[in-house]
Amino acid sequence: MKTLILMRHAKSDWSGSELADHDRPLNARGQETAERLAAFLKEQAIKPSRILCSTARRARDTLAPILAAYDAPPVVDYDERLYMATAPRLLKIVQGLSNADDMVLVIGHNPGLHALALALAMGPTDGDRQAHQDLANKFPTGAMAILRFSTDSWRKVDPHCGALADFIRPKAFA
């Protein structure tokens, strides 16, 4: 079994017009959301063995409180390929993961993350219909999709083969 957590960075600050998009930090609301995401992951005992994080500052700022929440932080790979990656590119990155990692968190950007989550998720069942509906509507900043795959190999992760275990929006933490 493999578990993939797709997390969109928290809300970023648009006030610094002199900053390049890659360099934008989180705003106050985004920082609060990142801290709540970290608390949620810790409370739910969700601890990935590896985290792939975009090199964009807002993604790294989202990751910081998550790492601080763990006594022994997971392995982190900062990957520039995640910055504004398309769903097909993200899928190739996922398929290239080491099979030694059973749970991986990817912190990245829309529209690629949203498109990948939609592509990987199988159709809804009675138990996860609301999560599917929420995911189909929007993948807001600070949201995360948790997908489970009945395989021991990341190479076998393909469209429509993942069970959407949960879709958590930042409003759930308010």
N, C-alpha and C. Protein backbone atom coordinates (compact mmCIF):
# COMPACT_ATOMS: atom_id res chain seq x y z
N MET A 1 0.85 -1.18 0.00
CA MET A 1 0.00 0.00 0.00
C MET A 1 0.89 1.24 0.00
N LYS A 2 0.56 2.18 -0.86
CA LYS A 2 1.26 3.46 -0.94
C LYS A 2 0.25 4.57 -0.65
N THR A 3 0.70 5.58 0.08
CA THR A 3 -0.14 6.74 0.38
C THR A 3 0.56 7.99 -0.13
N LEU A 4 -0.18 8.77 -0.89
CA LEU A 4 0.32 10.02 -1.45
C LEU A 4 -0.52 11.17 -0.91
N ILE A 5 0.14 12.14 -0.31
CA ILE A 5 -0.54 13.33 0.19
C ILE A 5 -0.12 14.49 -0.70
N LEU A 6 -1.09 15.07 -1.38
CA LEU A 6 -0.84 16.23 -2.23
C LEU A 6 -1.31 17.47 -1.48
N MET A 7 -0.39 18.35 -1.16
CA MET A 7 -0.71 19.55 -0.38
C MET A 7 -0.35 20.79 -1.20
N ARG A 8 -1.32 21.68 -1.33
CA ARG A 8 -1.03 22.96 -1.96
C ARG A 8 -0.49 23.90 -0.89
N HIS A 9 0.53 24.65 -1.24
CA HIS A 9 1.10 25.62 -0.30
C HIS A 9 -0.01 26.50 0.28
N ALA A 10 0.24 27.04 1.46
CA ALA A 10 -0.72 27.93 2.10
C ALA A 10 -0.74 29.29 1.38
N LYS A 11 -1.66 30.15 1.80
CA LYS A 11 -1.91 31.44 1.15
C LYS A 11 -0.65 32.32 1.16
N SER A 12 -0.31 32.84 -0.01
CA SER A 12 0.90 33.64 -0.12
C SER A 12 0.60 35.13 -0.12
N ASP A 13 1.67 35.89 0.07
CA ASP A 13 1.58 37.34 0.15
C ASP A 13 1.82 37.95 -1.23
N TRP A 14 0.86 38.72 -1.69
CA TRP A 14 0.96 39.37 -3.00
C TRP A 14 1.37 40.84 -2.87
N SER A 15 1.64 41.32 -1.66
CA SER A 15 1.89 42.76 -1.49
C SER A 15 3.27 43.19 -1.99
N GLY A 16 4.23 42.29 -2.02
CA GLY A 16 5.57 42.66 -2.45
C GLY A 16 5.73 42.53 -3.95
N SER A 17 5.26 43.54 -4.68
CA SER A 17 5.25 43.47 -6.14
C SER A 17 6.66 43.39 -6.73
N GLU A 18 7.66 43.75 -5.95
CA GLU A 18 9.03 43.68 -6.45
C GLU A 18 9.58 42.26 -6.41
N LEU A 19 8.90 41.37 -5.71
CA LEU A 19 9.36 39.99 -5.59
C LEU A 19 8.96 39.16 -6.81
N ALA A 20 9.85 38.28 -7.20
CA ALA A 20 9.51 37.30 -8.24
C ALA A 20 8.50 36.33 -7.66
N ASP A 21 7.67 35.73 -8.49
CA ASP A 21 6.65 34.79 -8.03
C ASP A 21 7.27 33.70 -7.16
N HIS A 22 8.42 33.20 -7.54
CA HIS A 22 9.09 32.11 -6.83
C HIS A 22 9.46 32.51 -5.40
N ASP A 23 9.61 33.81 -5.16
CA ASP A 23 10.12 34.31 -3.88
C ASP A 23 9.05 34.82 -2.92
N ARG A 24 7.78 34.70 -3.30
CA ARG A 24 6.71 35.23 -2.44
C ARG A 24 6.56 34.39 -1.17
N PRO A 25 6.52 35.03 0.02
CA PRO A 25 6.32 34.31 1.28
C PRO A 25 4.83 34.10 1.55
N LEU A 26 4.56 33.43 2.64
CA LEU A 26 3.17 33.29 3.09
C LEU A 26 2.72 34.61 3.71
N ASN A 27 1.41 34.88 3.61
CA ASN A 27 0.86 36.01 4.35
C ASN A 27 0.48 35.51 5.75
N ALA A 28 -0.06 36.38 6.59
CA ALA A 28 -0.37 35.99 7.97
C ALA A 28 -1.36 34.83 8.02
N ARG A 29 -2.39 34.88 7.18
CA ARG A 29 -3.38 33.80 7.13
C ARG A 29 -2.72 32.49 6.67
N GLY A 30 -1.82 32.59 5.71
CA GLY A 30 -1.12 31.41 5.22
C GLY A 30 -0.23 30.80 6.29
N GLN A 31 0.44 31.64 7.06
CA GLN A 31 1.29 31.12 8.14
C GLN A 31 0.44 30.40 9.18
N GLU A 32 -0.71 30.98 9.51
CA GLU A 32 -1.62 30.34 10.47
C GLU A 32 -2.12 29.00 9.92
N THR A 33 -2.46 28.96 8.65
CA THR A 33 -2.91 27.72 8.03
C THR A 33 -1.80 26.67 8.06
N ALA A 34 -0.57 27.06 7.76
CA ALA A 34 0.55 26.12 7.78
C ALA A 34 0.73 25.52 9.17
N GLU A 35 0.58 26.34 10.19
CA GLU A 35 0.71 25.84 11.56
C GLU A 35 -0.43 24.88 11.90
N ARG A 36 -1.62 25.17 11.41
CA ARG A 36 -2.76 24.28 11.65
C ARG A 36 -2.61 22.97 10.88
N LEU A 37 -2.08 23.05 9.67
CA LEU A 37 -1.81 21.82 8.91
C LEU A 37 -0.82 20.94 9.67
N ALA A 38 0.22 21.55 10.21
CA ALA A 38 1.22 20.81 10.97
C ALA A 38 0.58 20.14 12.19
N ALA A 39 -0.25 20.88 12.91
CA ALA A 39 -0.93 20.32 14.08
C ALA A 39 -1.85 19.17 13.68
N PHE A 40 -2.57 19.33 12.58
CA PHE A 40 -3.47 18.28 12.09
C PHE A 40 -2.69 17.01 11.76
N LEU A 41 -1.60 17.15 11.02
CA LEU A 41 -0.81 15.98 10.66
C LEU A 41 -0.30 15.26 11.90
N LYS A 42 0.16 16.03 12.88
CA LYS A 42 0.67 15.42 14.12
C LYS A 42 -0.46 14.75 14.90
N GLU A 43 -1.59 15.43 15.06
CA GLU A 43 -2.73 14.87 15.81
C GLU A 43 -3.26 13.59 15.17
N GLN A 44 -3.24 13.54 13.84
CA GLN A 44 -3.75 12.37 13.12
C GLN A 44 -2.68 11.30 12.92
N ALA A 45 -1.50 11.52 13.48
CA ALA A 45 -0.37 10.59 13.35
C ALA A 45 -0.05 10.30 11.89
N ILE A 46 -0.14 11.33 11.07
CA ILE A 46 0.22 11.21 9.65
C ILE A 46 1.66 11.66 9.53
N LYS A 47 2.55 10.69 9.32
CA LYS A 47 3.98 11.02 9.21
C LYS A 47 4.56 10.36 7.97
N PRO A 48 4.71 11.14 6.92
CA PRO A 48 5.31 10.59 5.71
C PRO A 48 6.78 10.24 5.96
N SER A 49 7.28 9.27 5.22
CA SER A 49 8.71 8.94 5.33
C SER A 49 9.54 9.90 4.48
N ARG A 50 8.89 10.53 3.50
CA ARG A 50 9.59 11.47 2.62
C ARG A 50 8.65 12.62 2.27
N ILE A 51 9.22 13.81 2.17
CA ILE A 51 8.47 14.98 1.72
C ILE A 51 9.19 15.56 0.51
N LEU A 52 8.43 15.76 -0.55
CA LEU A 52 8.93 16.48 -1.72
C LEU A 52 8.33 17.88 -1.67
N CYS A 53 9.17 18.88 -1.71
CA CYS A 53 8.70 20.26 -1.58
C CYS A 53 9.23 21.11 -2.72
N SER A 54 8.35 21.89 -3.29
CA SER A 54 8.76 22.87 -4.30
C SER A 54 9.79 23.81 -3.69
N THR A 55 10.65 24.33 -4.54
CA THR A 55 11.66 25.27 -4.07
C THR A 55 11.10 26.68 -3.87
N ALA A 56 9.86 26.93 -4.27
CA ALA A 56 9.25 28.25 -4.08
C ALA A 56 9.16 28.55 -2.59
N ARG A 57 9.39 29.81 -2.24
CA ARG A 57 9.40 30.19 -0.83
C ARG A 57 8.09 29.86 -0.13
N ARG A 58 6.95 30.09 -0.77
CA ARG A 58 5.66 29.83 -0.12
C ARG A 58 5.49 28.35 0.20
N ALA A 59 6.05 27.46 -0.60
CA ALA A 59 6.00 26.03 -0.32
C ALA A 59 6.92 25.70 0.85
N ARG A 60 8.12 26.26 0.85
CA ARG A 60 9.06 26.03 1.95
C ARG A 60 8.53 26.60 3.26
N ASP A 61 7.86 27.76 3.18
CA ASP A 61 7.25 28.35 4.38
C ASP A 61 6.11 27.48 4.91
N THR A 62 5.39 26.82 4.02
CA THR A 62 4.32 25.90 4.43
C THR A 62 4.92 24.68 5.12
N LEU A 63 6.05 24.22 4.62
CA LEU A 63 6.71 23.04 5.18
C LEU A 63 7.31 23.28 6.56
N ALA A 64 7.83 24.46 6.83
CA ALA A 64 8.59 24.72 8.06
C ALA A 64 7.87 24.29 9.34
N PRO A 65 6.61 24.69 9.58
CA PRO A 65 5.95 24.24 10.81
C PRO A 65 5.65 22.74 10.81
N ILE A 66 5.51 22.15 9.64
CA ILE A 66 5.28 20.70 9.57
C ILE A 66 6.52 19.98 10.08
N LEU A 67 7.68 20.39 9.62
CA LEU A 67 8.92 19.77 10.09
C LEU A 67 9.11 19.97 11.59
N ALA A 68 8.77 21.16 12.07
CA ALA A 68 8.93 21.45 13.50
C ALA A 68 8.00 20.61 14.37
N ALA A 69 6.90 20.13 13.80
CA ALA A 69 5.92 19.36 14.58
C ALA A 69 6.37 17.94 14.88
N TYR A 70 7.32 17.43 14.12
CA TYR A 70 7.78 16.05 14.30
C TYR A 70 9.03 16.00 15.15
N ASP A 71 9.09 15.02 16.07
CA ASP A 71 10.29 14.83 16.88
C ASP A 71 11.47 14.44 15.99
N ALA A 72 11.20 13.54 15.05
CA ALA A 72 12.21 13.13 14.07
C ALA A 72 11.63 13.44 12.69
N PRO A 73 12.00 14.57 12.11
CA PRO A 73 11.41 14.97 10.84
C PRO A 73 11.69 13.97 9.71
N PRO A 74 10.75 13.87 8.77
CA PRO A 74 10.96 13.01 7.62
C PRO A 74 12.08 13.55 6.72
N VAL A 75 12.52 12.72 5.80
CA VAL A 75 13.49 13.13 4.79
C VAL A 75 12.79 14.14 3.88
N VAL A 76 13.48 15.23 3.55
CA VAL A 76 12.90 16.27 2.69
C VAL A 76 13.77 16.43 1.45
N ASP A 77 13.12 16.43 0.30
CA ASP A 77 13.77 16.74 -0.97
C ASP A 77 13.14 18.01 -1.51
N TYR A 78 13.93 19.06 -1.67
CA TYR A 78 13.45 20.28 -2.31
C TYR A 78 13.69 20.11 -3.81
N ASP A 79 12.60 20.12 -4.57
CA ASP A 79 12.67 19.76 -5.98
C ASP A 79 12.15 20.89 -6.84
N GLU A 80 13.03 21.50 -7.62
CA GLU A 80 12.62 22.62 -8.47
C GLU A 80 11.64 22.20 -9.55
N ARG A 81 11.58 20.90 -9.87
CA ARG A 81 10.63 20.43 -10.89
C ARG A 81 9.18 20.58 -10.42
N LEU A 82 8.96 20.71 -9.12
CA LEU A 82 7.60 20.84 -8.58
C LEU A 82 7.02 22.24 -8.79
N TYR A 83 7.88 23.21 -9.01
CA TYR A 83 7.41 24.59 -9.16
C TYR A 83 6.60 24.70 -10.45
N MET A 84 5.31 24.94 -10.29
CA MET A 84 4.37 25.12 -11.39
C MET A 84 4.33 23.92 -12.35
N ALA A 85 4.56 22.73 -11.82
CA ALA A 85 4.57 21.51 -12.64
C ALA A 85 3.16 21.15 -13.10
N THR A 86 3.09 20.57 -14.28
CA THR A 86 1.82 20.05 -14.81
C THR A 86 1.53 18.70 -14.17
N ALA A 87 0.29 18.24 -14.30
CA ALA A 87 -0.08 16.94 -13.76
C ALA A 87 0.76 15.81 -14.35
N PRO A 88 0.98 15.77 -15.68
CA PRO A 88 1.82 14.70 -16.22
C PRO A 88 3.25 14.71 -15.66
N ARG A 89 3.79 15.90 -15.47
CA ARG A 89 5.14 15.99 -14.90
C ARG A 89 5.14 15.51 -13.45
N LEU A 90 4.14 15.91 -12.68
CA LEU A 90 4.03 15.46 -11.29
C LEU A 90 3.88 13.95 -11.21
N LEU A 91 3.08 13.38 -12.12
CA LEU A 91 2.89 11.93 -12.12
C LEU A 91 4.22 11.22 -12.37
N LYS A 92 5.03 11.72 -13.28
CA LYS A 92 6.34 11.11 -13.54
C LYS A 92 7.23 11.18 -12.29
N ILE A 93 7.16 12.29 -11.58
CA ILE A 93 7.93 12.42 -10.34
C ILE A 93 7.46 11.39 -9.32
N VAL A 94 6.15 11.24 -9.16
CA VAL A 94 5.59 10.26 -8.22
C VAL A 94 6.00 8.85 -8.63
N GLN A 95 5.90 8.54 -9.90
CA GLN A 95 6.25 7.20 -10.38
C GLN A 95 7.73 6.89 -10.21
N GLY A 96 8.54 7.92 -10.04
CA GLY A 96 9.98 7.73 -9.84
C GLY A 96 10.40 7.65 -8.38
N LEU A 97 9.43 7.69 -7.47
CA LEU A 97 9.75 7.62 -6.04
C LEU A 97 10.30 6.25 -5.67
N SER A 98 11.10 6.22 -4.62
CA SER A 98 11.64 4.96 -4.11
C SER A 98 10.53 4.15 -3.45
N ASN A 99 10.50 2.87 -3.74
CA ASN A 99 9.49 2.00 -3.13
C ASN A 99 9.72 1.80 -1.64
N ALA A 100 10.87 2.24 -1.14
CA ALA A 100 11.13 2.18 0.30
C ALA A 100 10.22 3.15 1.05
N ASP A 101 9.69 4.15 0.36
CA ASP A 101 8.80 5.14 0.98
C ASP A 101 7.35 4.75 0.72
N ASP A 102 6.63 4.44 1.80
CA ASP A 102 5.22 4.05 1.66
C ASP A 102 4.27 5.23 1.74
N MET A 103 4.69 6.30 2.40
CA MET A 103 3.86 7.50 2.51
C MET A 103 4.71 8.72 2.15
N VAL A 104 4.24 9.46 1.14
CA VAL A 104 4.99 10.62 0.66
C VAL A 104 4.06 11.83 0.62
N LEU A 105 4.57 12.95 1.10
CA LEU A 105 3.87 14.23 1.04
C LEU A 105 4.53 15.08 -0.04
N VAL A 106 3.72 15.62 -0.95
CA VAL A 106 4.21 16.52 -1.98
C VAL A 106 3.59 17.90 -1.73
N ILE A 107 4.43 18.91 -1.56
CA ILE A 107 3.95 20.28 -1.36
C ILE A 107 4.26 21.06 -2.63
N GLY A 108 3.19 21.51 -3.30
CA GLY A 108 3.39 22.17 -4.58
C GLY A 108 2.32 23.19 -4.90
N HIS A 109 1.98 23.27 -6.17
CA HIS A 109 1.19 24.38 -6.70
C HIS A 109 0.06 23.92 -7.61
N ASN A 110 -0.93 24.78 -7.72
CA ASN A 110 -1.98 24.60 -8.73
C ASN A 110 -1.52 25.27 -10.02
N PRO A 111 -2.05 24.87 -11.14
CA PRO A 111 -3.14 23.92 -11.32
C PRO A 111 -2.70 22.46 -11.36
N GLY A 112 -1.38 22.21 -11.35
CA GLY A 112 -0.89 20.84 -11.47
C GLY A 112 -1.34 19.89 -10.39
N LEU A 113 -1.27 20.33 -9.11
CA LEU A 113 -1.69 19.45 -8.01
C LEU A 113 -3.15 19.07 -8.13
N HIS A 114 -3.99 20.04 -8.42
CA HIS A 114 -5.43 19.78 -8.53
C HIS A 114 -5.68 18.78 -9.66
N ALA A 115 -5.07 19.03 -10.81
CA ALA A 115 -5.26 18.14 -11.96
C ALA A 115 -4.76 16.73 -11.66
N LEU A 116 -3.64 16.61 -10.96
CA LEU A 116 -3.11 15.29 -10.61
C LEU A 116 -4.05 14.56 -9.66
N ALA A 117 -4.53 15.25 -8.63
CA ALA A 117 -5.45 14.62 -7.67
C ALA A 117 -6.70 14.12 -8.38
N LEU A 118 -7.25 14.94 -9.26
CA LEU A 118 -8.45 14.53 -10.01
C LEU A 118 -8.14 13.33 -10.91
N ALA A 119 -6.97 13.33 -11.53
CA ALA A 119 -6.60 12.24 -12.43
C ALA A 119 -6.38 10.93 -11.70
N LEU A 120 -5.77 10.99 -10.52
CA LEU A 120 -5.43 9.76 -9.80
C LEU A 120 -6.61 9.13 -9.08
N ALA A 121 -7.56 9.94 -8.65
CA ALA A 121 -8.67 9.42 -7.85
C ALA A 121 -9.64 8.59 -8.68
N MET A 122 -9.97 7.42 -8.13
CA MET A 122 -11.03 6.60 -8.74
C MET A 122 -12.35 7.31 -8.52
N GLY A 123 -13.38 6.85 -9.17
CA GLY A 123 -14.70 7.43 -8.97
C GLY A 123 -15.16 7.31 -7.53
N PRO A 124 -16.08 8.18 -7.12
CA PRO A 124 -16.52 8.19 -5.72
C PRO A 124 -17.34 6.96 -5.37
N THR A 125 -17.25 6.60 -4.09
CA THR A 125 -18.13 5.59 -3.51
C THR A 125 -19.00 6.31 -2.50
N ASP A 126 -19.92 5.60 -1.91
CA ASP A 126 -20.82 6.24 -0.94
C ASP A 126 -20.05 6.90 0.20
N GLY A 127 -18.97 6.28 0.64
CA GLY A 127 -18.23 6.79 1.80
C GLY A 127 -17.39 8.01 1.53
N ASP A 128 -17.00 8.25 0.27
CA ASP A 128 -16.12 9.37 0.00
C ASP A 128 -16.69 10.37 -1.00
N ARG A 129 -17.98 10.31 -1.19
CA ARG A 129 -18.64 11.17 -2.18
C ARG A 129 -18.40 12.66 -1.90
N GLN A 130 -18.48 13.07 -0.63
CA GLN A 130 -18.29 14.49 -0.30
C GLN A 130 -16.86 14.93 -0.59
N ALA A 131 -15.88 14.08 -0.26
CA ALA A 131 -14.49 14.42 -0.53
C ALA A 131 -14.27 14.60 -2.03
N HIS A 132 -14.86 13.73 -2.83
CA HIS A 132 -14.74 13.85 -4.29
C HIS A 132 -15.38 15.14 -4.79
N GLN A 133 -16.54 15.46 -4.25
CA GLN A 133 -17.23 16.68 -4.66
C GLN A 133 -16.41 17.92 -4.30
N ASP A 134 -15.87 17.93 -3.09
CA ASP A 134 -15.04 19.06 -2.65
C ASP A 134 -13.80 19.19 -3.52
N LEU A 135 -13.15 18.06 -3.83
CA LEU A 135 -11.97 18.08 -4.68
C LEU A 135 -12.30 18.58 -6.08
N ALA A 136 -13.41 18.13 -6.62
CA ALA A 136 -13.80 18.54 -7.97
C ALA A 136 -14.06 20.04 -8.05
N ASN A 137 -14.59 20.61 -6.96
CA ASN A 137 -14.94 22.03 -6.96
C ASN A 137 -13.72 22.94 -6.95
N LYS A 138 -12.74 22.64 -6.08
CA LYS A 138 -11.62 23.57 -5.91
C LYS A 138 -10.54 22.91 -5.05
N PHE A 139 -9.28 23.24 -5.34
CA PHE A 139 -8.16 22.80 -4.51
C PHE A 139 -7.51 24.08 -3.97
N PRO A 140 -8.08 24.64 -2.88
CA PRO A 140 -7.61 25.94 -2.39
C PRO A 140 -6.22 25.87 -1.76
N THR A 141 -5.62 27.03 -1.56
CA THR A 141 -4.34 27.06 -0.86
C THR A 141 -4.52 26.44 0.52
N GLY A 142 -3.52 25.67 0.94
CA GLY A 142 -3.56 25.02 2.24
C GLY A 142 -4.39 23.75 2.30
N ALA A 143 -4.92 23.30 1.18
CA ALA A 143 -5.70 22.05 1.15
C ALA A 143 -4.79 20.86 0.88
N MET A 144 -5.28 19.67 1.24
CA MET A 144 -4.53 18.46 0.92
C MET A 144 -5.45 17.31 0.57
N ALA A 145 -5.02 16.55 -0.43
CA ALA A 145 -5.72 15.35 -0.86
C ALA A 145 -4.88 14.16 -0.43
N ILE A 146 -5.52 13.19 0.22
CA ILE A 146 -4.83 11.98 0.65
C ILE A 146 -5.35 10.83 -0.21
N LEU A 147 -4.44 10.24 -0.97
CA LEU A 147 -4.79 9.16 -1.89
C LEU A 147 -4.05 7.89 -1.49
N ARG A 148 -4.76 6.76 -1.54
CA ARG A 148 -4.15 5.47 -1.22
C ARG A 148 -4.19 4.58 -2.45
N PHE A 149 -3.11 3.83 -2.64
CA PHE A 149 -2.96 2.97 -3.81
C PHE A 149 -2.67 1.55 -3.36
N SER A 150 -3.38 0.60 -3.91
CA SER A 150 -3.20 -0.82 -3.58
C SER A 150 -2.06 -1.39 -4.42
N THR A 151 -0.87 -0.93 -4.15
CA THR A 151 0.31 -1.39 -4.87
C THR A 151 1.52 -1.21 -3.96
N ASP A 152 2.57 -1.95 -4.25
CA ASP A 152 3.83 -1.79 -3.52
C ASP A 152 4.85 -1.01 -4.35
N SER A 153 4.43 -0.55 -5.52
CA SER A 153 5.35 0.13 -6.42
C SER A 153 4.77 1.47 -6.89
N TRP A 154 5.54 2.53 -6.70
CA TRP A 154 5.11 3.85 -7.17
C TRP A 154 5.01 3.87 -8.69
N ARG A 155 5.77 3.02 -9.37
CA ARG A 155 5.71 2.96 -10.84
C ARG A 155 4.33 2.55 -11.34
N LYS A 156 3.59 1.86 -10.49
CA LYS A 156 2.25 1.38 -10.88
C LYS A 156 1.15 2.39 -10.57
N VAL A 157 1.51 3.54 -10.04
CA VAL A 157 0.52 4.59 -9.77
C VAL A 157 0.15 5.23 -11.11
N ASP A 158 -1.10 5.09 -11.46
CA ASP A 158 -1.61 5.58 -12.74
C ASP A 158 -2.95 6.27 -12.52
N PRO A 159 -3.42 7.01 -13.51
CA PRO A 159 -4.73 7.65 -13.39
C PRO A 159 -5.84 6.65 -13.02
N HIS A 160 -6.73 7.12 -12.18
CA HIS A 160 -7.93 6.39 -11.74
C HIS A 160 -7.63 5.11 -10.97
N CYS A 161 -6.47 5.05 -10.30
CA CYS A 161 -6.18 3.85 -9.51
C CYS A 161 -6.05 4.15 -8.02
N GLY A 162 -6.27 5.40 -7.62
CA GLY A 162 -6.13 5.77 -6.22
C GLY A 162 -7.46 5.97 -5.53
N ALA A 163 -7.52 5.55 -4.29
CA ALA A 163 -8.72 5.79 -3.48
C ALA A 163 -8.52 7.13 -2.77
N LEU A 164 -9.45 8.05 -2.95
CA LEU A 164 -9.37 9.34 -2.26
C LEU A 164 -9.80 9.12 -0.82
N ALA A 165 -8.81 8.99 0.07
CA ALA A 165 -9.09 8.73 1.48
C ALA A 165 -9.67 9.96 2.16
N ASP A 166 -9.21 11.15 1.75
CA ASP A 166 -9.72 12.38 2.35
C ASP A 166 -9.28 13.57 1.51
N PHE A 167 -10.07 14.62 1.60
CA PHE A 167 -9.70 15.91 1.02
C PHE A 167 -9.99 16.93 2.09
N ILE A 168 -8.94 17.56 2.57
CA ILE A 168 -9.06 18.47 3.71
C ILE A 168 -8.77 19.89 3.24
N ARG A 169 -9.73 20.77 3.47
CA ARG A 169 -9.58 22.18 3.11
C ARG A 169 -9.23 22.97 4.37
N PRO A 170 -8.55 24.10 4.22
CA PRO A 170 -8.14 24.86 5.40
C PRO A 170 -9.30 25.33 6.27
N LYS A 171 -10.48 25.47 5.70
CA LYS A 171 -11.64 25.88 6.51
C LYS A 171 -11.96 24.85 7.58
N ALA A 172 -11.52 23.61 7.39
CA ALA A 172 -11.77 22.56 8.38
C ALA A 172 -11.02 22.83 9.68
N PHE A 173 -9.98 23.67 9.63
CA PHE A 173 -9.18 23.97 10.81
C PHE A 173 -9.63 25.23 11.52
N ALA A 174 -10.54 25.98 10.92
CA ALA A 174 -10.94 27.28 11.48
C ALA A 174 -11.77 27.12 12.73
